Amino acid sequence: MNLKPERRDDIDLNLTPLIDVVFLLLIFFMVSTTFEKTAKLKIDLPEASAQATPQVDKKIVIGIDVKGRYYINDRQLVNTQLKTLKMALLKFAGDNKNIPIVLRADAKTPHQSVVTAMDAASQVGLTRLSISTLETSSK
């Protein structure tokens, strides 16, 4: 009688056919898939009118340099006081309180100078204020 247990050989599982089937399924699904565009939000934009917008010939340009000095229509003011700026705005605006004002400030101008110019225009009653910027150049 043989009491030693019989040695079993380790069973090897060959994974090559399984991997082949998985890759074939992957290729099948990739080829048979249809791609749809995602739904987009539909926006009806207004169309431009054929009528030309009226051009405003007269405007006041307030320039502010790096040191905070004020220029109105390229004329430098005597000083940087609020009172002087208000008087100059009244002189250039005359009776027209609806005249547009363009504020052009240097990039390194102190913010207080810009705020002072905005305050002066508001205190005089000129409310059509816009701030001019430069387009950035592509580098």
C-alpha atoms as a PDB file:
ATOM      1  CA  MET A   1       0.000   0.000   0.000  1.00  0.00           C
ATOM      2  CA  ASN A   2       1.282   3.372  -1.015  1.00  0.00           C
ATOM      3  CA  LEU A   3       0.602   5.994   1.707  1.00  0.00           C
ATOM      4  CA  LYS A   4       2.222   8.916   0.050  1.00  0.00           C
ATOM      5  CA  PRO A   5      -0.254  11.268  -1.497  1.00  0.00           C
ATOM      6  CA  GLU A   6      -0.078  11.485  -5.189  1.00  0.00           C
ATOM      7  CA  ARG A   7       1.589  14.653  -6.441  1.00  0.00           C
ATOM      8  CA  ARG A   8      -0.565  16.783  -8.558  1.00  0.00           C
ATOM      9  CA  ASP A   9       0.851  18.951 -11.227  1.00  0.00           C
ATOM     10  CA  ASP A  10      -0.055  22.616 -10.894  1.00  0.00           C
ATOM     11  CA  ILE A  11      -2.742  23.543 -13.301  1.00  0.00           C
ATOM     12  CA  ASP A  12      -1.774  26.467 -15.526  1.00  0.00           C
ATOM     13  CA  LEU A  13      -4.482  28.657 -16.886  1.00  0.00           C
ATOM     14  CA  ASN A  14      -3.656  30.002 -20.330  1.00  0.00           C
ATOM     15  CA  LEU A  15      -4.874  33.640 -20.495  1.00  0.00           C
ATOM     16  CA  THR A  16      -3.931  34.300 -24.098  1.00  0.00           C
ATOM     17  CA  PRO A  17      -7.348  33.373 -25.585  1.00  0.00           C
ATOM     18  CA  LEU A  18      -9.113  35.453 -22.912  1.00  0.00           C
ATOM     19  CA  ILE A  19      -7.002  38.504 -23.732  1.00  0.00           C
ATOM     20  CA  ASP A  20      -7.665  37.987 -27.450  1.00  0.00           C
ATOM     21  CA  VAL A  21     -11.422  37.932 -26.852  1.00  0.00           C
ATOM     22  CA  VAL A  22     -11.277  41.077 -24.698  1.00  0.00           C
ATOM     23  CA  PHE A  23      -9.339  42.972 -27.372  1.00  0.00           C
ATOM     24  CA  LEU A  24     -11.742  41.811 -30.082  1.00  0.00           C
ATOM     25  CA  LEU A  25     -14.697  43.036 -28.006  1.00  0.00           C
ATOM     26  CA  LEU A  26     -12.954  46.336 -27.394  1.00  0.00           C
ATOM     27  CA  ILE A  27     -12.322  46.824 -31.111  1.00  0.00           C
ATOM     28  CA  PHE A  28     -15.913  45.833 -31.923  1.00  0.00           C
ATOM     29  CA  PHE A  29     -17.386  48.381 -29.500  1.00  0.00           C
ATOM     30  CA  MET A  30     -15.038  51.121 -30.675  1.00  0.00           C
ATOM     31  CA  VAL A  31     -16.002  50.581 -34.305  1.00  0.00           C
ATOM     32  CA  SER A  32     -19.733  50.176 -33.729  1.00  0.00           C
ATOM     33  CA  THR A  33     -20.157  53.185 -31.429  1.00  0.00           C
ATOM     34  CA  THR A  34     -21.887  56.223 -32.885  1.00  0.00           C
ATOM     35  CA  PHE A  35     -20.847  59.585 -31.556  1.00  0.00           C
ATOM     36  CA  GLU A  36     -23.529  62.208 -31.100  1.00  0.00           C
ATOM     37  CA  LYS A  37     -22.975  65.870 -30.550  1.00  0.00           C
ATOM     38  CA  THR A  38     -24.112  67.060 -27.192  1.00  0.00           C
ATOM     39  CA  ALA A  39     -27.123  69.290 -27.106  1.00  0.00           C
ATOM     40  CA  LYS A  40     -26.252  72.967 -27.291  1.00  0.00           C
ATOM     41  CA  LEU A  41     -28.106  75.845 -25.789  1.00  0.00           C
ATOM     42  CA  LYS A  42     -30.051  77.600 -28.529  1.00  0.00           C
ATOM     43  CA  ILE A  43     -29.754  81.358 -28.282  1.00  0.00           C
ATOM     44  CA  ASP A  44     -31.427  83.752 -30.670  1.00  0.00           C
ATOM     45  CA  LEU A  45     -29.105  86.734 -30.922  1.00  0.00           C
ATOM     46  CA  PRO A  46     -30.530  90.104 -31.897  1.00  0.00           C
ATOM     47  CA  GLU A  47     -29.751  91.302 -35.373  1.00  0.00           C
ATOM     48  CA  ALA A  48     -28.049  94.596 -36.045  1.00  0.00           C
ATOM     49  CA  SER A  49     -30.280  97.301 -37.375  1.00  0.00           C
ATOM     50  CA  ALA A  50     -29.502  98.865 -40.711  1.00  0.00           C
ATOM     51  CA  GLN A  51     -29.847 102.304 -39.187  1.00  0.00           C
ATOM     52  CA  ALA A  52     -26.533 103.911 -38.354  1.00  0.00           C
ATOM     53  CA  THR A  53     -26.030 105.079 -34.808  1.00  0.00           C
ATOM     54  CA  PRO A  54     -25.591 108.818 -34.472  1.00  0.00           C
ATOM     55  CA  GLN A  55     -22.014 109.873 -33.923  1.00  0.00           C
ATOM     56  CA  VAL A  56     -21.308 112.280 -31.123  1.00  0.00           C
ATOM     57  CA  ASP A  57     -18.921 114.926 -32.370  1.00  0.00           C
ATOM     58  CA  LYS A  58     -18.188 116.588 -29.069  1.00  0.00           C
ATOM     59  CA  LYS A  59     -16.806 114.742 -26.087  1.00  0.00           C
ATOM     60  CA  ILE A  60     -14.578 115.514 -23.158  1.00  0.00           C
ATOM     61  CA  VAL A  61     -11.447 113.408 -22.803  1.00  0.00           C
ATOM     62  CA  ILE A  62      -9.918 113.416 -19.333  1.00  0.00           C
ATOM     63  CA  GLY A  63      -6.341 112.180 -19.464  1.00  0.00           C
ATOM     64  CA  ILE A  64      -4.381 111.218 -16.366  1.00  0.00           C
ATOM     65  CA  ASP A  65      -0.654 110.581 -16.513  1.00  0.00           C
ATOM     66  CA  VAL A  66       1.584 108.488 -14.253  1.00  0.00           C
ATOM     67  CA  LYS A  67       2.087 111.339 -11.775  1.00  0.00           C
ATOM     68  CA  GLY A  68      -1.655 111.976 -11.461  1.00  0.00           C
ATOM     69  CA  ARG A  69      -1.732 115.178 -13.524  1.00  0.00           C
ATOM     70  CA  TYR A  70      -4.997 115.881 -15.337  1.00  0.00           C
ATOM     71  CA  TYR A  71      -5.430 116.800 -18.998  1.00  0.00           C
ATOM     72  CA  ILE A  72      -8.766 117.794 -20.494  1.00  0.00           C
ATOM     73  CA  ASN A  73      -8.838 117.431 -24.269  1.00  0.00           C
ATOM     74  CA  ASP A  74      -5.006 117.357 -24.257  1.00  0.00           C
ATOM     75  CA  ARG A  75      -4.694 120.561 -22.203  1.00  0.00           C
ATOM     76  CA  GLN A  76      -2.937 120.194 -18.862  1.00  0.00           C
ATOM     77  CA  LEU A  77      -4.680 121.617 -15.802  1.00  0.00           C
ATOM     78  CA  VAL A  78      -2.870 123.996 -13.474  1.00  0.00           C
ATOM     79  CA  ASN A  79      -3.029 121.625 -10.500  1.00  0.00           C
ATOM     80  CA  THR A  80      -4.549 118.321  -9.427  1.00  0.00           C
ATOM     81  CA  GLN A  81      -7.156 119.676  -7.029  1.00  0.00           C
ATOM     82  CA  LEU A  82     -10.767 118.545  -7.268  1.00  0.00           C
ATOM     83  CA  LYS A  83     -12.008 122.142  -7.483  1.00  0.00           C
ATOM     84  CA  THR A  84      -9.816 122.888 -10.516  1.00  0.00           C
ATOM     85  CA  LEU A  85     -10.947 119.736 -12.277  1.00  0.00           C
ATOM     86  CA  LYS A  86     -14.628 120.530 -11.659  1.00  0.00           C
ATOM     87  CA  MET A  87     -14.223 124.078 -12.995  1.00  0.00           C
ATOM     88  CA  ALA A  88     -12.495 122.799 -16.135  1.00  0.00           C
ATOM     89  CA  LEU A  89     -15.227 120.212 -16.717  1.00  0.00           C
ATOM     90  CA  LEU A  90     -17.911 122.882 -16.374  1.00  0.00           C
ATOM     91  CA  LYS A  91     -16.031 125.120 -18.816  1.00  0.00           C
ATOM     92  CA  PHE A  92     -15.732 122.404 -21.467  1.00  0.00           C
ATOM     93  CA  ALA A  93     -19.254 121.016 -20.986  1.00  0.00           C
ATOM     94  CA  GLY A  94     -21.038 124.347 -20.960  1.00  0.00           C
ATOM     95  CA  ASP A  95     -24.790 123.836 -20.603  1.00  0.00           C
ATOM     96  CA  ASN A  96     -24.695 120.322 -22.076  1.00  0.00           C
ATOM     97  CA  LYS A  97     -24.925 117.895 -19.135  1.00  0.00           C
ATOM     98  CA  ASN A  98     -25.400 114.987 -21.544  1.00  0.00           C
ATOM     99  CA  ILE A  99     -21.949 115.244 -23.128  1.00  0.00           C
ATOM    100  CA  PRO A 100     -19.952 111.990 -23.007  1.00  0.00           C
ATOM    101  CA  ILE A 101     -16.754 111.864 -20.998  1.00  0.00           C
ATOM    102  CA  VAL A 102     -13.905 109.494 -21.830  1.00  0.00           C
ATOM    103  CA  LEU A 103     -11.449 108.779 -19.031  1.00  0.00           C
ATOM    104  CA  ARG A 104      -7.961 107.795 -20.240  1.00  0.00           C
ATOM    105  CA  ALA A 105      -5.526 106.891 -17.507  1.00  0.00           C
ATOM    106  CA  ASP A 106      -2.041 105.470 -17.704  1.00  0.00           C
ATOM    107  CA  ALA A 107      -1.719 101.882 -16.464  1.00  0.00           C
ATOM    108  CA  LYS A 108       0.479 103.069 -13.594  1.00  0.00           C
ATOM    109  CA  THR A 109      -1.716 106.005 -12.604  1.00  0.00           C
ATOM    110  CA  PRO A 110      -2.647 106.045  -8.908  1.00  0.00           C
ATOM    111  CA  HIS A 111      -6.205 104.796  -8.432  1.00  0.00           C
ATOM    112  CA  GLN A 112      -7.044 107.820  -6.328  1.00  0.00           C
ATOM    113  CA  SER A 113      -6.520 110.100  -9.337  1.00  0.00           C
ATOM    114  CA  VAL A 114      -8.995 108.072 -11.395  1.00  0.00           C
ATOM    115  CA  VAL A 115     -11.560 108.074  -8.583  1.00  0.00           C
ATOM    116  CA  THR A 116     -11.115 111.833  -8.145  1.00  0.00           C
ATOM    117  CA  ALA A 117     -11.815 112.398 -11.856  1.00  0.00           C
ATOM    118  CA  MET A 118     -14.929 110.228 -11.635  1.00  0.00           C
ATOM    119  CA  ASP A 119     -16.102 112.116  -8.540  1.00  0.00           C
ATOM    120  CA  ALA A 120     -15.549 115.487 -10.217  1.00  0.00           C
ATOM    121  CA  ALA A 121     -17.619 114.470 -13.234  1.00  0.00           C
ATOM    122  CA  SER A 122     -20.392 113.164 -11.005  1.00  0.00           C
ATOM    123  CA  GLN A 123     -20.456 116.276  -8.809  1.00  0.00           C
ATOM    124  CA  VAL A 124     -20.718 118.524 -11.858  1.00  0.00           C
ATOM    125  CA  GLY A 125     -23.648 116.453 -13.155  1.00  0.00           C
ATOM    126  CA  LEU A 126     -21.906 114.720 -16.042  1.00  0.00           C
ATOM    127  CA  THR A 127     -22.997 111.097 -15.881  1.00  0.00           C
ATOM    128  CA  ARG A 128     -22.086 109.677 -19.291  1.00  0.00           C
ATOM    129  CA  LEU A 129     -18.626 108.451 -18.279  1.00  0.00           C
ATOM    130  CA  SER A 130     -16.650 105.736 -20.015  1.00  0.00           C
ATOM    131  CA  ILE A 131     -13.155 104.447 -19.321  1.00  0.00           C
ATOM    132  CA  SER A 132     -10.823 103.982 -22.270  1.00  0.00           C
ATOM    133  CA  THR A 133      -8.581 100.917 -22.470  1.00  0.00           C
ATOM    134  CA  LEU A 134      -5.998  99.674 -24.930  1.00  0.00           C
ATOM    135  CA  GLU A 135      -6.183  96.290 -26.605  1.00  0.00           C
ATOM    136  CA  THR A 136      -3.471  93.918 -25.478  1.00  0.00           C
ATOM    137  CA  SER A 137      -0.948  93.088 -28.144  1.00  0.00           C
ATOM    138  CA  SER A 138      -0.400  89.400 -28.880  1.00  0.00           C
ATOM    139  CA  LYS A 139       3.088  88.266 -28.115  1.00  0.00           C
END
